């Protein structure tokens, strides 16, 4: 994915990563008359015009009133998430990994010193056992 500057905003393809493919709102995606159930042609054509006009006017009105504020909110929200990940979560995970590495070496040494000789001795003792078929 290429980095795009704010002034290079694509005004034609506004969903280049297709993150809203599930949100189809065109007339033919919402209303459809199957064969054998057709309304009068003028009803269908006027319904098409009313649907698109209503959808476009309402959408443009809502985005004009709220779009900039909502975009500002989401920009800040993702900035907070990035800040939290970069400055808090990732360093904490790194500290955790360092301490777990130390604990792993400590417990590994304990097991090698105390448990491994016991297991090895038991293995040698039990290796002399033979099972005979009767």
C-alpha atoms as a PDB file:
ATOM      1  CA  UNK A   1       0.000   0.000   0.000  1.00  0.00           C
ATOM      2  CA  UNK A   2       1.500   3.310  -1.018  1.00  0.00           C
ATOM      3  CA  UNK A   3       1.562   6.301   1.285  1.00  0.00           C
ATOM      4  CA  UNK A   4      -0.733   9.024  -0.021  1.00  0.00           C
ATOM      5  CA  UNK A   5      -0.502  12.701   0.914  1.00  0.00           C
ATOM      6  CA  UNK A   6      -3.629  14.515   2.084  1.00  0.00           C
ATOM      7  CA  UNK A   7      -3.676  16.789  -1.002  1.00  0.00           C
ATOM      8  CA  UNK A   8      -3.594  13.718  -3.302  1.00  0.00           C
ATOM      9  CA  UNK A   9      -7.108  12.684  -2.249  1.00  0.00           C
ATOM     10  CA  UNK A  10      -8.726  10.482  -4.925  1.00  0.00           C
ATOM     11  CA  UNK A  11     -12.138  12.023  -5.593  1.00  0.00           C
ATOM     12  CA  UNK A  12     -13.224   9.262  -7.999  1.00  0.00           C
ATOM     13  CA  UNK A  13     -12.271   5.987  -6.263  1.00  0.00           C
ATOM     14  CA  UNK A  14     -13.048   6.755  -2.627  1.00  0.00           C
ATOM     15  CA  UNK A  15     -12.787   3.141  -1.467  1.00  0.00           C
ATOM     16  CA  UNK A  16      -9.521   1.939  -3.100  1.00  0.00           C
ATOM     17  CA  UNK A  17      -9.033  -0.846  -0.538  1.00  0.00           C
ATOM     18  CA  UNK A  18     -12.671  -1.940  -0.886  1.00  0.00           C
ATOM     19  CA  UNK A  19     -13.307  -1.878   2.865  1.00  0.00           C
ATOM     20  CA  UNK A  20     -16.996  -1.070   2.345  1.00  0.00           C
ATOM     21  CA  UNK A  21     -17.837  -3.629  -0.356  1.00  0.00           C
ATOM     22  CA  UNK A  22     -20.527  -5.034   1.928  1.00  0.00           C
ATOM     23  CA  UNK A  23     -22.341  -1.670   1.987  1.00  0.00           C
ATOM     24  CA  UNK A  24     -24.000  -1.592  -1.415  1.00  0.00           C
ATOM     25  CA  UNK A  25     -26.678   1.068  -1.568  1.00  0.00           C
ATOM     26  CA  UNK A  26     -27.435   1.469  -5.282  1.00  0.00           C
ATOM     27  CA  UNK A  27     -31.069   1.063  -6.347  1.00  0.00           C
ATOM     28  CA  UNK A  28     -30.405  -2.272  -8.077  1.00  0.00           C
ATOM     29  CA  UNK A  29     -28.625  -3.580  -4.950  1.00  0.00           C
ATOM     30  CA  UNK A  30     -31.654  -2.830  -2.768  1.00  0.00           C
ATOM     31  CA  UNK A  31     -34.792  -3.105  -4.890  1.00  0.00           C
ATOM     32  CA  UNK A  32     -35.447  -5.679  -7.596  1.00  0.00           C
ATOM     33  CA  UNK A  33     -38.592  -7.010  -9.229  1.00  0.00           C
ATOM     34  CA  UNK A  34     -38.378 -10.638 -10.316  1.00  0.00           C
ATOM     35  CA  UNK A  35     -39.792 -11.826 -13.606  1.00  0.00           C
ATOM     36  CA  UNK A  36     -43.553 -12.049 -13.321  1.00  0.00           C
ATOM     37  CA  UNK A  37     -43.879  -9.302 -10.698  1.00  0.00           C
ATOM     38  CA  UNK A  38     -43.258  -6.051 -12.534  1.00  0.00           C
ATOM     39  CA  UNK A  39     -44.815  -2.744 -11.644  1.00  0.00           C
ATOM     40  CA  UNK A  40     -45.878  -0.221 -14.267  1.00  0.00           C
ATOM     41  CA  UNK A  41     -42.836   1.193 -16.074  1.00  0.00           C
ATOM     42  CA  UNK A  42     -43.462   4.764 -14.946  1.00  0.00           C
ATOM     43  CA  UNK A  43     -43.682   3.578 -11.301  1.00  0.00           C
ATOM     44  CA  UNK A  44     -40.379   1.715 -11.635  1.00  0.00           C
ATOM     45  CA  UNK A  45     -38.625   4.665 -13.325  1.00  0.00           C
ATOM     46  CA  UNK A  46     -39.979   7.199 -10.812  1.00  0.00           C
ATOM     47  CA  UNK A  47     -39.115   4.879  -7.922  1.00  0.00           C
ATOM     48  CA  UNK A  48     -35.580   4.702  -9.279  1.00  0.00           C
ATOM     49  CA  UNK A  49     -35.389   8.501  -9.473  1.00  0.00           C
ATOM     50  CA  UNK A  50     -36.939   9.028  -5.995  1.00  0.00           C
ATOM     51  CA  UNK A  51     -34.691   6.417  -4.388  1.00  0.00           C
ATOM     52  CA  UNK A  52     -31.496   7.917  -5.835  1.00  0.00           C
ATOM     53  CA  UNK A  53     -32.552  11.503  -5.184  1.00  0.00           C
ATOM     54  CA  UNK A  54     -33.547  10.752  -1.587  1.00  0.00           C
ATOM     55  CA  UNK A  55     -30.449   8.701  -0.900  1.00  0.00           C
ATOM     56  CA  UNK A  56     -28.063  11.228  -2.433  1.00  0.00           C
ATOM     57  CA  UNK A  57     -29.671  14.283  -0.823  1.00  0.00           C
ATOM     58  CA  UNK A  58     -29.893  12.687   2.603  1.00  0.00           C
ATOM     59  CA  UNK A  59     -26.355  11.290   2.437  1.00  0.00           C
ATOM     60  CA  UNK A  60     -24.900  14.622   1.306  1.00  0.00           C
ATOM     61  CA  UNK A  61     -26.862  16.482   3.994  1.00  0.00           C
ATOM     62  CA  UNK A  62     -25.680  14.120   6.780  1.00  0.00           C
ATOM     63  CA  UNK A  63     -22.065  14.155   5.596  1.00  0.00           C
ATOM     64  CA  UNK A  64     -22.143  17.955   5.311  1.00  0.00           C
ATOM     65  CA  UNK A  65     -23.413  18.273   8.885  1.00  0.00           C
ATOM     66  CA  UNK A  66     -21.396  15.490  10.516  1.00  0.00           C
ATOM     67  CA  UNK A  67     -18.706  14.174   8.155  1.00  0.00           C
ATOM     68  CA  UNK A  68     -15.874  16.524   9.103  1.00  0.00           C
ATOM     69  CA  UNK A  69     -16.480  16.153  12.848  1.00  0.00           C
ATOM     70  CA  UNK A  70     -16.746  12.371  12.603  1.00  0.00           C
ATOM     71  CA  UNK A  71     -13.594  12.203  10.459  1.00  0.00           C
ATOM     72  CA  UNK A  72     -11.785  14.340  13.062  1.00  0.00           C
ATOM     73  CA  UNK A  73     -13.009  12.036  15.833  1.00  0.00           C
ATOM     74  CA  UNK A  74     -11.859   8.871  14.006  1.00  0.00           C
ATOM     75  CA  UNK A  75      -8.528  10.478  13.120  1.00  0.00           C
ATOM     76  CA  UNK A  76      -7.963  11.265  16.805  1.00  0.00           C
ATOM     77  CA  UNK A  77      -9.151   7.801  17.856  1.00  0.00           C
ATOM     78  CA  UNK A  78      -6.690   6.063  15.551  1.00  0.00           C
ATOM     79  CA  UNK A  79      -3.967   8.472  16.658  1.00  0.00           C
ATOM     80  CA  UNK A  80      -4.658   7.450  20.275  1.00  0.00           C
ATOM     81  CA  UNK A  81      -4.544   3.771  19.308  1.00  0.00           C
ATOM     82  CA  UNK A  82      -1.255   4.256  17.443  1.00  0.00           C
ATOM     83  CA  UNK A  83       0.170   6.253  20.362  1.00  0.00           C
ATOM     84  CA  UNK A  84      -0.888   3.555  22.843  1.00  0.00           C
ATOM     85  CA  UNK A  85       0.583   0.760  20.724  1.00  0.00           C
ATOM     86  CA  UNK A  86       3.846   2.588  19.965  1.00  0.00           C
ATOM     87  CA  UNK A  87       4.557   4.194  23.323  1.00  0.00           C
ATOM     88  CA  UNK A  88       2.873   1.852  25.844  1.00  0.00           C
ATOM     89  CA  UNK A  89       1.917  -1.633  24.628  1.00  0.00           C
ATOM     90  CA  UNK A  90       4.978  -2.505  22.510  1.00  0.00           C
ATOM     91  CA  UNK A  91       7.522  -1.482  25.194  1.00  0.00           C
ATOM     92  CA  UNK A  92       5.527  -3.412  27.820  1.00  0.00           C
ATOM     93  CA  UNK A  93       5.518  -6.494  25.592  1.00  0.00           C
ATOM     94  CA  UNK A  94       9.277  -6.117  25.093  1.00  0.00           C
ATOM     95  CA  UNK A  95       9.825  -5.922  28.877  1.00  0.00           C
ATOM     96  CA  UNK A  96       7.588  -8.957  29.343  1.00  0.00           C
ATOM     97  CA  UNK A  97       9.563 -10.910  26.717  1.00  0.00           C
ATOM     98  CA  UNK A  98      12.858  -9.990  28.423  1.00  0.00           C
ATOM     99  CA  UNK A  99      11.615 -11.101  31.841  1.00  0.00           C
ATOM    100  CA  UNK A 100      10.117 -14.291  30.418  1.00  0.00           C
ATOM    101  CA  UNK A 101      13.452 -15.048  28.745  1.00  0.00           C
ATOM    102  CA  UNK A 102      15.195 -14.701  32.126  1.00  0.00           C
ATOM    103  CA  UNK A 103      12.567 -16.862  33.825  1.00  0.00           C
ATOM    104  CA  UNK A 104      12.901 -19.464  31.063  1.00  0.00           C
ATOM    105  CA  UNK A 105      16.671 -19.657  31.612  1.00  0.00           C
ATOM    106  CA  UNK A 106      16.221 -19.824  35.395  1.00  0.00           C
ATOM    107  CA  UNK A 107      13.638 -22.622  35.329  1.00  0.00           C
ATOM    108  CA  UNK A 108      15.501 -24.422  32.536  1.00  0.00           C
ATOM    109  CA  UNK A 109      18.635 -24.468  34.693  1.00  0.00           C
ATOM    110  CA  UNK A 110      16.658 -25.729  37.721  1.00  0.00           C
ATOM    111  CA  UNK A 111      15.150 -28.550  35.673  1.00  0.00           C
ATOM    112  CA  UNK A 112      18.533 -29.514  34.205  1.00  0.00           C
ATOM    113  CA  UNK A 113      20.156 -29.511  37.671  1.00  0.00           C
ATOM    114  CA  UNK A 114      17.500 -31.284  39.703  1.00  0.00           C
ATOM    115  CA  UNK A 115      14.874 -32.980  37.558  1.00  0.00           C
ATOM    116  CA  UNK A 116      17.028 -34.220  34.653  1.00  0.00           C
ATOM    117  CA  UNK A 117      19.314 -36.434  36.839  1.00  0.00           C
ATOM    118  CA  UNK A 118      16.270 -37.965  38.544  1.00  0.00           C
ATOM    119  CA  UNK A 119      14.590 -38.712  35.208  1.00  0.00           C
ATOM    120  CA  UNK A 120      17.824 -40.083  33.789  1.00  0.00           C
ATOM    121  CA  UNK A 121      18.297 -42.378  36.804  1.00  0.00           C
ATOM    122  CA  UNK A 122      14.712 -43.622  36.605  1.00  0.00           C
ATOM    123  CA  UNK A 123      15.143 -44.211  32.890  1.00  0.00           C
ATOM    124  CA  UNK A 124      18.279 -46.293  33.483  1.00  0.00           C
ATOM    125  CA  UNK A 125      16.581 -48.304  36.238  1.00  0.00           C
ATOM    126  CA  UNK A 126      13.481 -49.026  34.171  1.00  0.00           C
ATOM    127  CA  UNK A 127      15.479 -49.766  31.002  1.00  0.00           C
ATOM    128  CA  UNK A 128      16.686 -53.030  32.574  1.00  0.00           C
ATOM    129  CA  UNK A 129      13.146 -54.324  32.911  1.00  0.00           C
ATOM    130  CA  UNK A 130      12.133 -56.833  30.282  1.00  0.00           C
ATOM    131  CA  UNK A 131       8.669 -58.101  29.566  1.00  0.00           C
ATOM    132  CA  UNK A 132       8.340 -61.705  28.597  1.00  0.00           C
ATOM    133  CA  UNK A 133       5.395 -63.194  26.804  1.00  0.00           C
ATOM    134  CA  UNK A 134       3.836 -66.175  28.535  1.00  0.00           C
END
